[in-house]
N, C-alpha and C. Protein backbone atom coordinates (compact mmCIF):
# COMPACT_ATOMS: atom_id res chain seq x y z
N UNK A 1 89.44 102.45 112.60
CA UNK A 1 90.40 102.00 113.60
C UNK A 1 91.55 101.26 112.90
N UNK A 2 92.74 101.56 113.32
CA UNK A 2 93.92 100.90 112.75
C UNK A 2 93.99 99.45 113.21
N UNK A 3 94.16 98.56 112.28
CA UNK A 3 94.32 97.16 112.63
C UNK A 3 95.77 96.90 113.01
N UNK A 4 95.96 96.14 114.08
CA UNK A 4 97.30 95.74 114.50
C UNK A 4 97.63 94.40 113.88
N UNK A 5 98.93 94.17 113.69
CA UNK A 5 99.36 92.91 113.08
C UNK A 5 98.86 91.72 113.90
N UNK A 6 99.12 91.74 115.21
CA UNK A 6 98.63 90.70 116.11
C UNK A 6 97.66 91.37 117.07
N UNK A 7 96.44 90.95 117.16
CA UNK A 7 95.80 89.73 116.64
C UNK A 7 94.90 89.98 115.43
N UNK A 8 94.85 91.23 114.91
CA UNK A 8 93.89 91.54 113.85
C UNK A 8 94.21 90.89 112.51
N UNK A 9 95.49 90.71 112.20
CA UNK A 9 95.88 90.17 110.90
C UNK A 9 96.30 88.70 111.03
N UNK A 10 97.20 88.41 111.96
CA UNK A 10 97.65 87.05 112.22
C UNK A 10 97.60 86.76 113.71
N UNK A 11 97.48 85.50 114.04
CA UNK A 11 97.48 85.08 115.44
C UNK A 11 98.91 84.85 115.92
N UNK A 12 99.12 85.05 117.19
CA UNK A 12 100.40 84.72 117.81
C UNK A 12 100.52 83.19 117.84
N UNK A 13 101.65 82.66 117.36
CA UNK A 13 101.83 81.21 117.33
C UNK A 13 103.30 80.85 117.16
N UNK A 14 103.59 79.59 117.36
CA UNK A 14 104.92 79.07 117.09
C UNK A 14 105.04 78.94 115.57
N UNK A 15 106.09 79.51 115.03
CA UNK A 15 106.27 79.55 113.59
C UNK A 15 107.23 78.46 113.14
N UNK A 16 106.94 77.85 112.01
CA UNK A 16 107.84 76.84 111.43
C UNK A 16 109.21 77.47 111.21
N UNK A 17 110.24 76.70 111.55
CA UNK A 17 111.59 77.27 111.49
C UNK A 17 112.63 76.21 111.15
N UNK A 18 113.81 76.70 110.83
CA UNK A 18 115.01 75.88 110.64
C UNK A 18 116.16 76.61 111.33
N UNK A 19 117.28 75.90 111.45
CA UNK A 19 118.50 76.55 111.95
C UNK A 19 119.40 76.84 110.76
N UNK A 20 120.39 77.66 110.96
CA UNK A 20 121.29 78.02 109.86
C UNK A 20 122.12 76.84 109.38
N UNK A 21 122.27 75.81 110.22
CA UNK A 21 123.03 74.62 109.84
C UNK A 21 122.20 73.60 109.05
N UNK A 22 120.88 73.73 109.08
CA UNK A 22 120.04 72.82 108.30
C UNK A 22 120.31 73.01 106.82
N UNK A 23 120.02 71.98 106.04
CA UNK A 23 120.22 72.08 104.59
C UNK A 23 119.00 72.75 103.94
N UNK A 24 119.21 73.23 102.75
CA UNK A 24 118.12 73.81 101.97
C UNK A 24 117.06 72.74 101.70
N UNK A 25 117.48 71.50 101.50
CA UNK A 25 116.53 70.41 101.31
C UNK A 25 115.62 70.26 102.53
N UNK A 26 116.20 70.32 103.72
CA UNK A 26 115.40 70.25 104.96
C UNK A 26 114.40 71.39 105.02
N UNK A 27 114.85 72.59 104.67
CA UNK A 27 113.96 73.76 104.69
C UNK A 27 112.82 73.57 103.68
N UNK A 28 113.16 73.12 102.48
CA UNK A 28 112.14 72.91 101.45
C UNK A 28 111.13 71.85 101.90
N UNK A 29 111.61 70.81 102.53
CA UNK A 29 110.72 69.75 103.02
C UNK A 29 109.77 70.29 104.08
N UNK A 30 110.27 71.12 104.99
CA UNK A 30 109.40 71.71 106.03
C UNK A 30 108.35 72.61 105.40
N UNK A 31 108.76 73.38 104.41
CA UNK A 31 107.80 74.25 103.73
C UNK A 31 106.71 73.43 103.06
N UNK A 32 107.11 72.36 102.39
CA UNK A 32 106.14 71.51 101.70
C UNK A 32 105.18 70.85 102.69
N UNK A 33 105.71 70.35 103.81
CA UNK A 33 104.86 69.71 104.82
C UNK A 33 103.83 70.68 105.39
N UNK A 34 104.25 71.92 105.61
CA UNK A 34 103.37 72.92 106.22
C UNK A 34 102.60 73.74 105.19
N UNK A 35 102.89 73.51 103.89
CA UNK A 35 102.26 74.27 102.80
C UNK A 35 102.44 75.77 103.00
N UNK A 36 103.69 76.17 103.21
CA UNK A 36 104.04 77.58 103.40
C UNK A 36 105.17 77.95 102.45
N UNK A 37 105.42 79.25 102.30
CA UNK A 37 106.41 79.72 101.34
C UNK A 37 107.62 80.38 102.00
N UNK A 38 107.65 80.43 103.32
CA UNK A 38 108.79 81.05 104.02
C UNK A 38 108.95 80.43 105.39
N UNK A 39 110.20 80.37 105.83
CA UNK A 39 110.54 79.88 107.16
C UNK A 39 111.44 80.89 107.85
N UNK A 40 111.32 80.98 109.15
CA UNK A 40 112.30 81.78 109.89
C UNK A 40 113.48 80.90 110.23
N UNK A 41 114.63 81.52 110.36
CA UNK A 41 115.85 80.83 110.76
C UNK A 41 116.15 81.30 112.18
N UNK A 42 116.32 80.32 113.07
CA UNK A 42 116.51 80.65 114.48
C UNK A 42 117.81 80.04 115.01
N UNK A 43 118.27 80.61 116.13
CA UNK A 43 119.40 80.04 116.87
C UNK A 43 118.85 79.08 117.91
N UNK A 44 119.73 78.46 118.65
CA UNK A 44 119.34 77.48 119.67
C UNK A 44 118.41 78.08 120.72
N UNK A 45 118.53 79.37 121.01
CA UNK A 45 117.68 80.01 122.02
C UNK A 45 116.40 80.59 121.42
N UNK A 46 116.04 80.14 120.21
CA UNK A 46 114.84 80.57 119.48
C UNK A 46 114.91 82.01 118.97
N UNK A 47 116.06 82.64 119.06
CA UNK A 47 116.21 84.01 118.55
C UNK A 47 116.20 83.99 117.02
N UNK A 48 115.47 84.91 116.45
CA UNK A 48 115.36 85.06 115.02
C UNK A 48 116.66 85.62 114.45
N UNK A 49 117.24 84.91 113.48
CA UNK A 49 118.47 85.41 112.85
C UNK A 49 118.34 85.53 111.33
N UNK A 50 117.26 85.01 110.76
CA UNK A 50 117.10 85.11 109.32
C UNK A 50 115.76 84.61 108.84
N UNK A 51 115.60 84.67 107.52
CA UNK A 51 114.40 84.16 106.86
C UNK A 51 114.84 83.51 105.56
N UNK A 52 114.14 82.47 105.17
CA UNK A 52 114.40 81.80 103.90
C UNK A 52 113.06 81.58 103.21
N UNK A 53 113.03 81.87 101.92
CA UNK A 53 111.79 81.78 101.16
C UNK A 53 111.97 80.88 99.95
N UNK A 54 110.84 80.53 99.35
CA UNK A 54 110.89 79.74 98.11
C UNK A 54 111.70 80.47 97.05
N UNK A 55 111.54 81.76 96.98
CA UNK A 55 112.29 82.56 96.00
C UNK A 55 113.79 82.45 96.25
N UNK A 56 114.21 82.47 97.51
CA UNK A 56 115.63 82.30 97.82
C UNK A 56 116.14 80.97 97.28
N UNK A 57 115.36 79.93 97.49
CA UNK A 57 115.76 78.60 97.03
C UNK A 57 115.86 78.54 95.51
N UNK A 58 114.90 79.13 94.85
CA UNK A 58 114.89 79.12 93.39
C UNK A 58 116.06 79.90 92.81
N UNK A 59 116.25 81.12 93.29
CA UNK A 59 117.25 82.00 92.71
C UNK A 59 118.67 81.71 93.20
N UNK A 60 118.81 81.28 94.45
CA UNK A 60 120.14 81.13 95.03
C UNK A 60 120.66 79.70 95.06
N UNK A 61 119.78 78.73 94.78
CA UNK A 61 120.21 77.33 94.78
C UNK A 61 119.96 76.70 93.41
N UNK A 62 118.69 76.58 93.06
CA UNK A 62 118.33 75.90 91.81
C UNK A 62 118.95 76.60 90.60
N UNK A 63 118.77 77.91 90.50
CA UNK A 63 119.27 78.64 89.33
C UNK A 63 120.79 78.63 89.23
N UNK A 64 121.46 78.41 90.35
CA UNK A 64 122.93 78.36 90.36
C UNK A 64 123.48 76.95 90.32
N UNK A 65 122.60 75.96 90.26
CA UNK A 65 123.03 74.58 90.16
C UNK A 65 123.64 74.02 91.44
N UNK A 66 123.31 74.61 92.58
CA UNK A 66 123.82 74.10 93.86
C UNK A 66 123.01 72.89 94.31
N UNK A 67 123.60 72.08 95.15
CA UNK A 67 122.94 70.88 95.66
C UNK A 67 122.19 71.23 96.94
N UNK A 68 120.87 71.14 96.94
CA UNK A 68 120.10 71.47 98.15
C UNK A 68 120.38 70.52 99.31
N UNK A 69 120.88 69.33 99.01
CA UNK A 69 121.20 68.37 100.07
C UNK A 69 122.47 68.72 100.83
N UNK A 70 123.31 69.55 100.25
CA UNK A 70 124.56 69.92 100.92
C UNK A 70 124.68 71.41 101.20
N UNK A 71 123.83 72.22 100.60
CA UNK A 71 123.89 73.67 100.80
C UNK A 71 123.20 74.03 102.12
N UNK A 72 123.94 74.65 103.04
CA UNK A 72 123.31 75.05 104.30
C UNK A 72 122.42 76.28 104.13
N UNK A 73 121.41 76.35 104.94
CA UNK A 73 120.50 77.49 104.94
C UNK A 73 121.28 78.80 105.10
N UNK A 74 122.34 78.77 105.91
CA UNK A 74 123.12 79.99 106.17
C UNK A 74 123.69 80.60 104.91
N UNK A 75 123.91 79.80 103.86
CA UNK A 75 124.47 80.31 102.62
C UNK A 75 123.47 81.12 101.79
N UNK A 76 122.19 80.91 102.01
CA UNK A 76 121.21 81.59 101.15
C UNK A 76 120.17 82.42 101.90
N UNK A 77 120.13 82.31 103.21
CA UNK A 77 119.10 83.03 103.97
C UNK A 77 119.36 84.54 103.94
N UNK A 78 118.32 85.29 104.21
CA UNK A 78 118.45 86.72 104.43
C UNK A 78 118.71 86.90 105.92
N UNK A 79 119.90 87.39 106.24
CA UNK A 79 120.29 87.55 107.65
C UNK A 79 119.66 88.83 108.22
N UNK A 80 119.37 88.79 109.51
CA UNK A 80 118.81 89.94 110.22
C UNK A 80 117.69 90.61 109.43
N UNK A 81 116.64 89.87 109.15
CA UNK A 81 115.58 90.43 108.31
C UNK A 81 114.82 91.55 109.01
N UNK A 82 114.22 92.40 108.21
CA UNK A 82 113.28 93.37 108.77
C UNK A 82 112.17 92.58 109.43
N UNK A 83 111.63 93.13 110.49
CA UNK A 83 110.53 92.47 111.19
C UNK A 83 109.43 93.48 111.49
N UNK A 84 108.30 92.96 111.83
CA UNK A 84 107.18 93.77 112.30
C UNK A 84 107.01 93.52 113.79
N UNK A 85 106.48 94.49 114.47
CA UNK A 85 106.09 94.33 115.87
C UNK A 85 104.63 93.91 115.89
N UNK A 86 104.20 93.16 116.90
CA UNK A 86 102.78 92.81 116.98
C UNK A 86 101.86 94.03 116.97
N UNK A 87 102.35 95.18 117.46
CA UNK A 87 101.54 96.39 117.54
C UNK A 87 101.59 97.26 116.29
N UNK A 88 102.41 96.90 115.30
CA UNK A 88 102.47 97.68 114.07
C UNK A 88 101.12 97.64 113.37
N UNK A 89 100.84 98.69 112.62
CA UNK A 89 99.57 98.73 111.90
C UNK A 89 99.67 97.99 110.58
N UNK A 90 98.53 97.52 110.12
CA UNK A 90 98.48 96.81 108.84
C UNK A 90 98.91 97.74 107.71
N UNK A 91 98.51 98.99 107.77
CA UNK A 91 98.88 99.95 106.73
C UNK A 91 100.38 100.16 106.65
N UNK A 92 101.03 100.33 107.80
CA UNK A 92 102.48 100.52 107.81
C UNK A 92 103.20 99.27 107.31
N UNK A 93 102.70 98.12 107.70
CA UNK A 93 103.30 96.86 107.26
C UNK A 93 103.17 96.70 105.75
N UNK A 94 102.01 97.02 105.22
CA UNK A 94 101.79 96.92 103.78
C UNK A 94 102.71 97.87 103.02
N UNK A 95 102.88 99.07 103.53
CA UNK A 95 103.77 100.03 102.87
C UNK A 95 105.21 99.52 102.87
N UNK A 96 105.67 98.98 103.99
CA UNK A 96 107.03 98.44 104.07
C UNK A 96 107.21 97.29 103.07
N UNK A 97 106.23 96.41 103.03
CA UNK A 97 106.34 95.23 102.15
C UNK A 97 106.31 95.64 100.68
N UNK A 98 105.50 96.62 100.33
CA UNK A 98 105.45 97.08 98.95
C UNK A 98 106.75 97.80 98.57
N UNK A 99 107.24 98.64 99.45
CA UNK A 99 108.45 99.41 99.18
C UNK A 99 109.66 98.50 98.99
N UNK A 100 109.78 97.50 99.86
CA UNK A 100 110.97 96.63 99.82
C UNK A 100 110.74 95.34 99.03
N UNK A 101 109.54 95.20 98.46
CA UNK A 101 109.19 94.04 97.63
C UNK A 101 109.26 92.71 98.40
N UNK A 102 108.78 92.75 99.63
CA UNK A 102 108.70 91.54 100.45
C UNK A 102 107.35 90.88 100.24
N UNK A 103 107.33 89.56 100.36
CA UNK A 103 106.07 88.82 100.35
C UNK A 103 105.73 88.27 101.72
N UNK A 104 106.76 88.15 102.57
CA UNK A 104 106.57 87.64 103.94
C UNK A 104 107.47 88.43 104.88
N UNK A 105 106.95 88.70 106.08
CA UNK A 105 107.76 89.35 107.11
C UNK A 105 107.47 88.69 108.45
N UNK A 106 108.53 88.38 109.19
CA UNK A 106 108.33 87.85 110.54
C UNK A 106 107.79 88.94 111.47
N UNK A 107 106.99 88.50 112.40
CA UNK A 107 106.50 89.38 113.47
C UNK A 107 107.28 88.96 114.71
N UNK A 108 108.07 89.88 115.25
CA UNK A 108 108.96 89.52 116.35
C UNK A 108 108.70 90.37 117.58
N UNK A 109 108.96 89.74 118.72
CA UNK A 109 108.82 90.41 120.01
C UNK A 109 109.98 89.92 120.87
N UNK A 110 110.85 90.83 121.28
CA UNK A 110 112.00 90.44 122.08
C UNK A 110 112.95 89.51 121.35
N UNK A 111 113.03 89.65 120.02
CA UNK A 111 113.91 88.81 119.23
C UNK A 111 113.37 87.44 118.90
N UNK A 112 112.17 87.12 119.39
CA UNK A 112 111.53 85.83 119.13
C UNK A 112 110.40 86.03 118.12
N UNK A 113 110.34 85.17 117.12
CA UNK A 113 109.29 85.25 116.12
C UNK A 113 107.98 84.73 116.70
N UNK A 114 106.95 85.57 116.67
CA UNK A 114 105.64 85.18 117.22
C UNK A 114 104.57 85.08 116.14
N UNK A 115 104.97 85.33 114.89
CA UNK A 115 104.03 85.25 113.79
C UNK A 115 104.73 85.54 112.48
N UNK A 116 104.02 85.26 111.40
CA UNK A 116 104.53 85.58 110.06
C UNK A 116 103.37 86.18 109.29
N UNK A 117 103.60 87.32 108.69
CA UNK A 117 102.54 87.97 107.92
C UNK A 117 102.93 87.95 106.45
N UNK A 118 101.94 87.68 105.61
CA UNK A 118 102.17 87.67 104.17
C UNK A 118 101.49 88.88 103.55
N UNK A 119 101.92 89.20 102.35
CA UNK A 119 101.31 90.31 101.63
C UNK A 119 99.83 90.02 101.39
N UNK A 120 99.49 88.75 101.18
CA UNK A 120 98.08 88.37 101.00
C UNK A 120 97.26 88.67 102.25
N UNK A 121 97.83 88.38 103.43
CA UNK A 121 97.14 88.67 104.68
C UNK A 121 96.80 90.16 104.76
N UNK A 122 97.77 90.99 104.39
CA UNK A 122 97.59 92.43 104.48
C UNK A 122 96.62 92.96 103.45
N UNK A 123 96.69 92.46 102.23
CA UNK A 123 95.73 92.88 101.21
C UNK A 123 94.31 92.54 101.63
N UNK A 124 94.12 91.36 102.19
CA UNK A 124 92.79 90.95 102.66
C UNK A 124 92.29 91.88 103.75
N UNK A 125 93.17 92.24 104.68
CA UNK A 125 92.78 93.12 105.79
C UNK A 125 92.43 94.52 105.29
N UNK A 126 93.23 95.04 104.37
CA UNK A 126 92.97 96.37 103.82
C UNK A 126 91.67 96.36 103.02
N UNK A 127 91.44 95.31 102.26
CA UNK A 127 90.20 95.18 101.48
C UNK A 127 88.99 95.20 102.41
N UNK A 128 89.04 94.44 103.48
CA UNK A 128 87.94 94.40 104.45
C UNK A 128 87.72 95.77 105.08
N UNK A 129 88.80 96.45 105.44
CA UNK A 129 88.69 97.78 106.05
C UNK A 129 88.07 98.77 105.07
N UNK A 130 88.46 98.70 103.81
CA UNK A 130 87.88 99.61 102.80
C UNK A 130 86.40 99.32 102.59
N UNK A 131 86.04 98.06 102.56
CA UNK A 131 84.62 97.71 102.41
C UNK A 131 83.81 98.22 103.59
N UNK A 132 84.34 98.09 104.80
CA UNK A 132 83.66 98.61 105.99
C UNK A 132 83.48 100.12 105.91
N UNK A 133 84.53 100.83 105.44
CA UNK A 133 84.44 102.28 105.28
C UNK A 133 83.37 102.67 104.27
N UNK A 134 83.28 101.92 103.18
CA UNK A 134 82.27 102.20 102.17
C UNK A 134 80.87 102.01 102.75
N UNK A 135 80.66 100.93 103.50
CA UNK A 135 79.34 100.69 104.10
C UNK A 135 78.97 101.79 105.09
N UNK A 136 79.94 102.24 105.88
CA UNK A 136 79.67 103.32 106.83
C UNK A 136 79.35 104.63 106.10
N UNK A 137 80.06 104.91 105.03
CA UNK A 137 79.81 106.12 104.26
C UNK A 137 78.43 106.07 103.62
N UNK A 138 78.07 104.93 103.05
CA UNK A 138 76.75 104.77 102.46
C UNK A 138 75.66 104.96 103.52
N UNK A 139 75.86 104.40 104.69
CA UNK A 139 74.88 104.54 105.77
C UNK A 139 74.73 106.01 106.17
N UNK A 140 75.83 106.73 106.21
CA UNK A 140 75.78 108.15 106.57
C UNK A 140 75.07 108.95 105.48
N UNK A 141 75.48 108.72 104.23
CA UNK A 141 74.93 109.49 103.11
C UNK A 141 73.43 109.22 102.94
N UNK A 142 73.03 107.98 103.07
CA UNK A 142 71.64 107.63 102.83
C UNK A 142 70.80 107.61 104.10
N UNK A 143 71.41 107.97 105.22
CA UNK A 143 70.67 108.14 106.45
C UNK A 143 70.31 106.89 107.20
N UNK A 144 70.84 105.75 106.86
CA UNK A 144 70.48 104.50 107.53
C UNK A 144 70.76 104.55 109.02
N UNK A 145 71.75 105.30 109.43
CA UNK A 145 72.11 105.34 110.85
C UNK A 145 71.50 106.53 111.58
N UNK A 146 70.88 107.41 110.82
CA UNK A 146 70.40 108.64 111.45
C UNK A 146 68.90 108.83 111.30
N UNK A 147 68.20 107.74 111.06
CA UNK A 147 66.74 107.78 111.02
C UNK A 147 66.14 108.48 109.83
N UNK A 148 66.88 108.69 108.77
CA UNK A 148 66.34 109.40 107.60
C UNK A 148 65.56 108.46 106.71
């Protein structure tokens, strides 16, 4: 059975966020407080408009010598990011993330972020699914399910 992003991989929840006017320092502080590596960027009506990651901060602020206290999130965020739907399959999500080299993708519904999926979440789900398939195959081959 195909696993869906929500609820099989991640739960629907309010996601940590910043606005485009917040500073990179504010975003970094929120990430540190929540022990996460990515934040969604939202407008006043909670609509998803971007994503900012630790990698963005490292490559677009620190490596360029910019001041995180004055650099707005809007200067370094990825605008209009790719998103997943809650009904997307884990396999399709993993393929998208591998192809585009993403580590995090927002899960959106009606323009509102309802979850965030990481590549680790997907690898864990695929690993579990493969292990289940192996157990079912072993049961079939050795007759555990068929009275042999």
